[in-house]
């Protein structure tokens, strides 16, 4: 019985945390704007919100190839890794 109670508490605590890693529609629109200026695009499903408020973008397609890109909370590029 204790295991069930512990699992229920963990699910309640982890549930909101998991929801926070999804970008809002406004954030996605801003990310799309920033990426368009770089001649890049990303599927919104590949955008994760980081704990510091920044964004981890996986499988970003740019004119010169595919990248993983990290954006700061102010939507400036922090890191780019070619895949």
PDB file of N, CA and C in Angstrom:
ATOM      1  N   UNK A   1       0.819  -1.190   0.000  1.00  0.00           N
ATOM      2  CA  UNK A   1       0.000   0.000   0.000  1.00  0.00           C
ATOM      3  C   UNK A   1       0.867   1.259   0.000  1.00  0.00           C
ATOM      4  N   UNK A   2       1.988   1.187   0.720  1.00  0.00           N
ATOM      5  CA  UNK A   2       2.886   2.343   0.757  1.00  0.00           C
ATOM      6  C   UNK A   2       3.419   2.665  -0.635  1.00  0.00           C
ATOM      7  N   UNK A   3       3.715   1.628  -1.415  1.00  0.00           N
ATOM      8  CA  UNK A   3       4.246   1.849  -2.763  1.00  0.00           C
ATOM      9  C   UNK A   3       3.238   2.586  -3.634  1.00  0.00           C
ATOM     10  N   UNK A   4       1.980   2.244  -3.513  1.00  0.00           N
ATOM     11  CA  UNK A   4       0.943   2.918  -4.296  1.00  0.00           C
ATOM     12  C   UNK A   4       0.846   4.377  -3.894  1.00  0.00           C
ATOM     13  N   UNK A   5       0.885   4.655  -2.594  1.00  0.00           N
ATOM     14  CA  UNK A   5       0.813   6.036  -2.106  1.00  0.00           C
ATOM     15  C   UNK A   5       2.018   6.840  -2.582  1.00  0.00           C
ATOM     16  N   UNK A   6       3.198   6.249  -2.530  1.00  0.00           N
ATOM     17  CA  UNK A   6       4.408   6.938  -2.988  1.00  0.00           C
ATOM     18  C   UNK A   6       4.327   7.201  -4.491  1.00  0.00           C
ATOM     19  N   UNK A   7       3.877   6.236  -5.249  1.00  0.00           N
ATOM     20  CA  UNK A   7       3.741   6.410  -6.694  1.00  0.00           C
ATOM     21  C   UNK A   7       2.738   7.510  -7.017  1.00  0.00           C
ATOM     22  N   UNK A   8       1.650   7.587  -6.268  1.00  0.00           N
ATOM     23  CA  UNK A   8       0.640   8.623  -6.492  1.00  0.00           C
ATOM     24  C   UNK A   8       1.216  10.005  -6.203  1.00  0.00           C
ATOM     25  N   UNK A   9       1.971  10.125  -5.124  1.00  0.00           N
ATOM     26  CA  UNK A   9       2.593  11.414  -4.785  1.00  0.00           C
ATOM     27  C   UNK A   9       3.597  11.809  -5.853  1.00  0.00           C
ATOM     28  N   UNK A  10       4.398  10.874  -6.296  1.00  0.00           N
ATOM     29  CA  UNK A  10       5.374  11.176  -7.344  1.00  0.00           C
ATOM     30  C   UNK A  10       4.690  11.606  -8.635  1.00  0.00           C
ATOM     31  N   UNK A  11       3.603  10.978  -8.981  1.00  0.00           N
ATOM     32  CA  UNK A  11       2.867  11.349 -10.190  1.00  0.00           C
ATOM     33  C   UNK A  11       2.314  12.759 -10.081  1.00  0.00           C
ATOM     34  N   UNK A  12       1.822  13.124  -8.911  1.00  0.00           N
ATOM     35  CA  UNK A  12       1.300  14.476  -8.715  1.00  0.00           C
ATOM     36  C   UNK A  12       2.397  15.524  -8.789  1.00  0.00           C
ATOM     37  N   UNK A  13       3.550  15.217  -8.252  1.00  0.00           N
ATOM     38  CA  UNK A  13       4.675  16.146  -8.268  1.00  0.00           C
ATOM     39  C   UNK A  13       5.280  16.232  -9.665  1.00  0.00           C
ATOM     40  N   UNK A  14       5.440  15.111 -10.327  1.00  0.00           N
ATOM     41  CA  UNK A  14       6.079  15.090 -11.638  1.00  0.00           C
ATOM     42  C   UNK A  14       5.163  15.611 -12.737  1.00  0.00           C
ATOM     43  N   UNK A  15       3.864  15.464 -12.595  1.00  0.00           N
ATOM     44  CA  UNK A  15       2.921  15.895 -13.622  1.00  0.00           C
ATOM     45  C   UNK A  15       3.081  17.349 -14.019  1.00  0.00           C
ATOM     46  N   UNK A  16       3.033  18.304 -13.078  1.00  0.00           N
ATOM     47  CA  UNK A  16       3.219  19.701 -13.444  1.00  0.00           C
ATOM     48  C   UNK A  16       4.597  19.983 -14.020  1.00  0.00           C
ATOM     49  N   UNK A  17       5.614  19.301 -13.535  1.00  0.00           N
ATOM     50  CA  UNK A  17       6.964  19.516 -14.050  1.00  0.00           C
ATOM     51  C   UNK A  17       7.052  19.110 -15.515  1.00  0.00           C
ATOM     52  N   UNK A  18       6.390  18.025 -15.881  1.00  0.00           N
ATOM     53  CA  UNK A  18       6.412  17.586 -17.269  1.00  0.00           C
ATOM     54  C   UNK A  18       5.686  18.567 -18.166  1.00  0.00           C
ATOM     55  N   UNK A  19       4.619  19.154 -17.681  1.00  0.00           N
ATOM     56  CA  UNK A  19       3.855  20.110 -18.485  1.00  0.00           C
ATOM     57  C   UNK A  19       4.655  21.367 -18.757  1.00  0.00           C
ATOM     58  N   UNK A  20       5.564  21.730 -17.859  1.00  0.00           N
ATOM     59  CA  UNK A  20       6.340  22.943 -18.012  1.00  0.00           C
ATOM     60  C   UNK A  20       7.369  22.854 -19.126  1.00  0.00           C
ATOM     61  N   UNK A  21       7.736  21.671 -19.593  1.00  0.00           N
ATOM     62  CA  UNK A  21       8.759  21.584 -20.626  1.00  0.00           C
ATOM     63  C   UNK A  21       8.203  21.803 -22.031  1.00  0.00           C
ATOM     64  N   UNK A  22       6.916  22.064 -22.157  1.00  0.00           N
ATOM     65  CA  UNK A  22       6.300  22.371 -23.445  1.00  0.00           C
ATOM     66  C   UNK A  22       6.215  23.887 -23.626  1.00  0.00           C
ATOM     67  N   UNK A  23       6.562  24.358 -24.798  1.00  0.00           N
ATOM     68  CA  UNK A  23       6.505  25.785 -25.097  1.00  0.00           C
ATOM     69  C   UNK A  23       5.061  26.213 -25.348  1.00  0.00           C
ATOM     70  N   UNK A  24       4.755  27.449 -24.980  1.00  0.00           N
ATOM     71  CA  UNK A  24       3.436  28.011 -25.240  1.00  0.00           C
ATOM     72  C   UNK A  24       3.339  28.423 -26.709  1.00  0.00           C
ATOM     73  N   UNK A  25       2.139  28.706 -27.167  1.00  0.00           N
ATOM     74  CA  UNK A  25       1.938  29.153 -28.546  1.00  0.00           C
ATOM     75  C   UNK A  25       2.703  30.451 -28.815  1.00  0.00           C
ATOM     76  N   UNK A  26       2.734  31.350 -27.829  1.00  0.00           N
ATOM     77  CA  UNK A  26       3.468  32.614 -27.984  1.00  0.00           C
ATOM     78  C   UNK A  26       4.969  32.361 -28.102  1.00  0.00           C
ATOM     79  N   UNK A  27       5.482  31.454 -27.273  1.00  0.00           N
ATOM     80  CA  UNK A  27       6.909  31.131 -27.333  1.00  0.00           C
ATOM     81  C   UNK A  27       7.252  30.484 -28.672  1.00  0.00           C
ATOM     82  N   UNK A  28       6.411  29.597 -29.146  1.00  0.00           N
ATOM     83  CA  UNK A  28       6.650  28.943 -30.438  1.00  0.00           C
ATOM     84  C   UNK A  28       6.664  29.970 -31.556  1.00  0.00           C
ATOM     85  N   UNK A  29       5.747  30.924 -31.524  1.00  0.00           N
ATOM     86  CA  UNK A  29       5.704  31.971 -32.545  1.00  0.00           C
ATOM     87  C   UNK A  29       6.995  32.788 -32.536  1.00  0.00           C
ATOM     88  N   UNK A  30       7.491  33.125 -31.355  1.00  0.00           N
ATOM     89  CA  UNK A  30       8.740  33.901 -31.247  1.00  0.00           C
ATOM     90  C   UNK A  30       9.929  33.075 -31.728  1.00  0.00           C
ATOM     91  N   UNK A  31       9.961  31.794 -31.361  1.00  0.00           N
ATOM     92  CA  UNK A  31      11.039  30.913 -31.816  1.00  0.00           C
ATOM     93  C   UNK A  31      11.006  30.795 -33.339  1.00  0.00           C
ATOM     94  N   UNK A  32       9.822  30.636 -33.913  1.00  0.00           N
ATOM     95  CA  UNK A  32       9.694  30.567 -35.375  1.00  0.00           C
ATOM     96  C   UNK A  32      10.221  31.839 -36.031  1.00  0.00           C
ATOM     97  N   UNK A  33       9.940  32.978 -35.425  1.00  0.00           N
ATOM     98  CA  UNK A  33      10.415  34.275 -35.941  1.00  0.00           C
ATOM     99  C   UNK A  33      11.946  34.346 -35.903  1.00  0.00           C
ATOM    100  N   UNK A  34      12.521  33.947 -34.775  1.00  0.00           N
ATOM    101  CA  UNK A  34      13.981  33.960 -34.626  1.00  0.00           C
ATOM    102  C   UNK A  34      14.615  33.002 -35.630  1.00  0.00           C
ATOM    103  N   UNK A  35      14.066  31.813 -35.761  1.00  0.00           N
ATOM    104  CA  UNK A  35      14.622  30.830 -36.691  1.00  0.00           C
ATOM    105  C   UNK A  35      14.482  31.269 -38.138  1.00  0.00           C
ATOM    106  N   UNK A  36      13.377  31.911 -38.484  1.00  0.00           N
ATOM    107  CA  UNK A  36      13.182  32.382 -39.853  1.00  0.00           C
ATOM    108  C   UNK A  36      14.285  33.376 -40.240  1.00  0.00           C
ATOM    109  N   UNK A  37      14.700  34.202 -39.294  1.00  0.00           N
ATOM    110  CA  UNK A  37      15.787  35.150 -39.545  1.00  0.00           C
ATOM    111  C   UNK A  37      17.107  34.418 -39.796  1.00  0.00           C
ATOM    112  N   UNK A  38      17.227  33.192 -39.302  1.00  0.00           N
ATOM    113  CA  UNK A  38      18.427  32.363 -39.503  1.00  0.00           C
ATOM    114  C   UNK A  38      18.261  31.419 -40.692  1.00  0.00           C
ATOM    115  N   UNK A  39      17.160  31.537 -41.421  1.00  0.00           N
ATOM    116  CA  UNK A  39      16.755  30.616 -42.486  1.00  0.00           C
ATOM    117  C   UNK A  39      16.690  29.172 -41.975  1.00  0.00           C
ATOM    118  N   UNK A  40      16.012  29.023 -40.846  1.00  0.00           N
ATOM    119  CA  UNK A  40      15.838  27.717 -40.209  1.00  0.00           C
ATOM    120  C   UNK A  40      14.378  27.529 -39.817  1.00  0.00           C
ATOM    121  N   UNK A  41      14.018  26.277 -39.531  1.00  0.00           N
ATOM    122  CA  UNK A  41      12.685  25.971 -39.019  1.00  0.00           C
ATOM    123  C   UNK A  41      12.754  24.718 -38.158  1.00  0.00           C
ATOM    124  N   UNK A  42      11.775  24.597 -37.252  1.00  0.00           N
ATOM    125  CA  UNK A  42      11.727  23.453 -36.347  1.00  0.00           C
ATOM    126  C   UNK A  42      10.279  23.033 -36.150  1.00  0.00           C
ATOM    127  N   UNK A  43      10.071  21.742 -35.984  1.00  0.00           N
ATOM    128  CA  UNK A  43       8.754  21.216 -35.634  1.00  0.00           C
ATOM    129  C   UNK A  43       8.497  21.587 -34.170  1.00  0.00           C
ATOM    130  N   UNK A  44       7.348  22.200 -33.846  1.00  0.00           N
ATOM    131  CA  UNK A  44       7.069  22.568 -32.447  1.00  0.00           C
ATOM    132  C   UNK A  44       7.196  21.402 -31.465  1.00  0.00           C
ATOM    133  N   UNK A  45       7.005  20.178 -31.925  1.00  0.00           N
ATOM    134  CA  UNK A  45       7.163  19.010 -31.051  1.00  0.00           C
ATOM    135  C   UNK A  45       8.610  18.829 -30.607  1.00  0.00           C
ATOM    136  N   UNK A  46       9.545  19.471 -31.307  1.00  0.00           N
ATOM    137  CA  UNK A  46      10.969  19.353 -30.988  1.00  0.00           C
ATOM    138  C   UNK A  46      11.496  20.531 -30.173  1.00  0.00           C
ATOM    139  N   UNK A  47      10.590  21.280 -29.548  1.00  0.00           N
ATOM    140  CA  UNK A  47      10.973  22.409 -28.699  1.00  0.00           C
ATOM    141  C   UNK A  47      10.717  22.031 -27.249  1.00  0.00           C
ATOM    142  N   UNK A  48      11.763  22.150 -26.423  1.00  0.00           N
ATOM    143  CA  UNK A  48      11.628  21.899 -24.994  1.00  0.00           C
ATOM    144  C   UNK A  48      12.031  23.153 -24.228  1.00  0.00           C
ATOM    145  N   UNK A  49      11.266  23.468 -23.194  1.00  0.00           N
ATOM    146  CA  UNK A  49      11.607  24.586 -22.322  1.00  0.00           C
ATOM    147  C   UNK A  49      12.548  24.063 -21.244  1.00  0.00           C
ATOM    148  N   UNK A  50      13.677  24.718 -21.100  1.00  0.00           N
ATOM    149  CA  UNK A  50      14.668  24.340 -20.103  1.00  0.00           C
ATOM    150  C   UNK A  50      14.300  24.929 -18.740  1.00  0.00           C
ATOM    151  N   UNK A  51      14.890  24.408 -17.689  1.00  0.00           N
ATOM    152  CA  UNK A  51      14.615  24.869 -16.323  1.00  0.00           C
ATOM    153  C   UNK A  51      14.971  26.343 -16.145  1.00  0.00           C
ATOM    154  N   UNK A  52      15.967  26.832 -16.898  1.00  0.00           N
ATOM    155  CA  UNK A  52      16.378  28.235 -16.775  1.00  0.00           C
ATOM    156  C   UNK A  52      15.543  29.179 -17.632  1.00  0.00           C
ATOM    157  N   UNK A  53      14.517  28.647 -18.291  1.00  0.00           N
ATOM    158  CA  UNK A  53      13.648  29.458 -19.134  1.00  0.00           C
ATOM    159  C   UNK A  53      14.080  29.498 -20.584  1.00  0.00           C
ATOM    160  N   UNK A  54      15.228  28.919 -20.882  1.00  0.00           N
ATOM    161  CA  UNK A  54      15.697  28.846 -22.261  1.00  0.00           C
ATOM    162  C   UNK A  54      15.005  27.724 -23.010  1.00  0.00           C
ATOM    163  N   UNK A  55      15.458  27.473 -24.220  1.00  0.00           N
ATOM    164  CA  UNK A  55      14.800  26.495 -25.081  1.00  0.00           C
ATOM    165  C   UNK A  55      15.824  25.577 -25.724  1.00  0.00           C
ATOM    166  N   UNK A  56      15.517  24.292 -25.781  1.00  0.00           N
ATOM    167  CA  UNK A  56      16.334  23.291 -26.456  1.00  0.00           C
ATOM    168  C   UNK A  56      15.563  22.871 -27.699  1.00  0.00           C
ATOM    169  N   UNK A  57      16.134  23.146 -28.859  1.00  0.00           N
ATOM    170  CA  UNK A  57      15.480  22.851 -30.135  1.00  0.00           C
ATOM    171  C   UNK A  57      16.218  21.704 -30.805  1.00  0.00           C
ATOM    172  N   UNK A  58      15.526  20.604 -31.013  1.00  0.00           N
ATOM    173  CA  UNK A  58      16.120  19.425 -31.641  1.00  0.00           C
ATOM    174  C   UNK A  58      15.715  19.363 -33.111  1.00  0.00           C
ATOM    175  N   UNK A  59      16.643  18.872 -33.927  1.00  0.00           N
ATOM    176  CA  UNK A  59      16.378  18.625 -35.353  1.00  0.00           C
ATOM    177  C   UNK A  59      15.906  19.887 -36.076  1.00  0.00           C
ATOM    178  N   UNK A  60      16.614  20.980 -35.868  1.00  0.00           N
ATOM    179  CA  UNK A  60      16.320  22.235 -36.560  1.00  0.00           C
ATOM    180  C   UNK A  60      16.873  22.129 -37.973  1.00  0.00           C
ATOM    181  N   UNK A  61      16.042  22.411 -38.966  1.00  0.00           N
ATOM    182  CA  UNK A  61      16.458  22.345 -40.359  1.00  0.00           C
ATOM    183  C   UNK A  61      16.805  23.764 -40.816  1.00  0.00           C
ATOM    184  N   UNK A  62      18.063  23.938 -41.243  1.00  0.00           N
ATOM    185  CA  UNK A  62      18.542  25.226 -41.730  1.00  0.00           C
ATOM    186  C   UNK A  62      18.987  25.074 -43.184  1.00  0.00           C
ATOM    187  N   UNK A  63      19.229  26.199 -43.833  1.00  0.00           N
ATOM    188  CA  UNK A  63      19.635  26.179 -45.236  1.00  0.00           C
ATOM    189  C   UNK A  63      20.917  25.375 -45.440  1.00  0.00           C
ATOM    190  N   UNK A  64      21.778  25.340 -44.421  1.00  0.00           N
ATOM    191  CA  UNK A  64      23.060  24.652 -44.562  1.00  0.00           C
ATOM    192  C   UNK A  64      23.158  23.341 -43.785  1.00  0.00           C
ATOM    193  N   UNK A  65      22.027  22.805 -43.335  1.00  0.00           N
ATOM    194  CA  UNK A  65      22.061  21.517 -42.658  1.00  0.00           C
ATOM    195  C   UNK A  65      21.125  21.437 -41.465  1.00  0.00           C
ATOM    196  N   UNK A  66      21.283  20.368 -40.699  1.00  0.00           N
ATOM    197  CA  UNK A  66      20.429  20.107 -39.543  1.00  0.00           C
ATOM    198  C   UNK A  66      21.236  20.331 -38.271  1.00  0.00           C
ATOM    199  N   UNK A  67      20.585  20.979 -37.275  1.00  0.00           N
ATOM    200  CA  UNK A  67      21.260  21.355 -36.040  1.00  0.00           C
ATOM    201  C   UNK A  67      20.388  21.076 -34.818  1.00  0.00           C
ATOM    202  N   UNK A  68      21.047  21.010 -33.666  1.00  0.00           N
ATOM    203  CA  UNK A  68      20.393  21.147 -32.376  1.00  0.00           C
ATOM    204  C   UNK A  68      20.801  22.540 -31.908  1.00  0.00           C
ATOM    205  N   UNK A  69      19.826  23.356 -31.528  1.00  0.00           N
ATOM    206  CA  UNK A  69      20.094  24.743 -31.148  1.00  0.00           C
ATOM    207  C   UNK A  69      19.523  24.996 -29.764  1.00  0.00           C
ATOM    208  N   UNK A  70      20.268  25.730 -28.955  1.00  0.00           N
ATOM    209  CA  UNK A  70      19.770  26.183 -27.655  1.00  0.00           C
ATOM    210  C   UNK A  70      19.592  27.688 -27.738  1.00  0.00           C
ATOM    211  N   UNK A  71      18.436  28.149 -27.253  1.00  0.00           N
ATOM    212  CA  UNK A  71      18.166  29.578 -27.169  1.00  0.00           C
ATOM    213  C   UNK A  71      18.085  29.967 -25.701  1.00  0.00           C
ATOM    214  N   UNK A  72      18.573  31.161 -25.387  1.00  0.00           N
ATOM    215  CA  UNK A  72      18.421  31.705 -24.037  1.00  0.00           C
ATOM    216  C   UNK A  72      16.965  32.099 -23.820  1.00  0.00           C
ATOM    217  N   UNK A  73      16.622  32.431 -22.589  1.00  0.00           N
ATOM    218  CA  UNK A  73      15.255  32.837 -22.256  1.00  0.00           C
ATOM    219  C   UNK A  73      14.825  34.074 -23.040  1.00  0.00           C
ATOM    220  N   UNK A  74      15.794  34.892 -23.476  1.00  0.00           N
ATOM    221  CA  UNK A  74      15.467  36.090 -24.264  1.00  0.00           C
ATOM    222  C   UNK A  74      15.485  35.801 -25.774  1.00  0.00           C
ATOM    223  N   UNK A  75      15.489  34.516 -26.132  1.00  0.00           N
ATOM    224  CA  UNK A  75      15.412  34.030 -27.513  1.00  0.00           C
ATOM    225  C   UNK A  75      16.668  34.315 -28.337  1.00  0.00           C
ATOM    226  N   UNK A  76      17.793  34.562 -27.681  1.00  0.00           N
ATOM    227  CA  UNK A  76      19.056  34.699 -28.391  1.00  0.00           C
ATOM    228  C   UNK A  76      19.734  33.339 -28.436  1.00  0.00           C
ATOM    229  N   UNK A  77      20.500  33.106 -29.492  1.00  0.00           N
ATOM    230  CA  UNK A  77      21.162  31.811 -29.653  1.00  0.00           C
ATOM    231  C   UNK A  77      22.277  31.642 -28.632  1.00  0.00           C
ATOM    232  N   UNK A  78      22.275  30.509 -27.934  1.00  0.00           N
ATOM    233  CA  UNK A  78      23.294  30.207 -26.931  1.00  0.00           C
ATOM    234  C   UNK A  78      24.269  29.157 -27.445  1.00  0.00           C
ATOM    235  N   UNK A  79      23.760  28.246 -28.278  1.00  0.00           N
ATOM    236  CA  UNK A  79      24.588  27.136 -28.745  1.00  0.00           C
ATOM    237  C   UNK A  79      23.984  26.545 -30.011  1.00  0.00           C
ATOM    238  N   UNK A  80      24.861  26.052 -30.882  1.00  0.00           N
ATOM    239  CA  UNK A  80      24.420  25.373 -32.104  1.00  0.00           C
ATOM    240  C   UNK A  80      25.342  24.202 -32.353  1.00  0.00           C
ATOM    241  N   UNK A  81      24.758  23.010 -32.531  1.00  0.00           N
ATOM    242  CA  UNK A  81      25.525  21.798 -32.802  1.00  0.00           C
ATOM    243  C   UNK A  81      25.008  21.173 -34.100  1.00  0.00           C
ATOM    244  N   UNK A  82      25.908  20.983 -35.050  1.00  0.00           N
ATOM    245  CA  UNK A  82      25.504  20.351 -36.311  1.00  0.00           C
ATOM    246  C   UNK A  82      25.306  18.864 -36.090  1.00  0.00           C
ATOM    247  N   UNK A  83      24.269  18.315 -36.682  1.00  0.00           N
ATOM    248  CA  UNK A  83      24.006  16.868 -36.561  1.00  0.00           C
ATOM    249  C   UNK A  83      24.551  16.142 -37.760  1.00  0.00           C
TER     250      UNK A  83
END
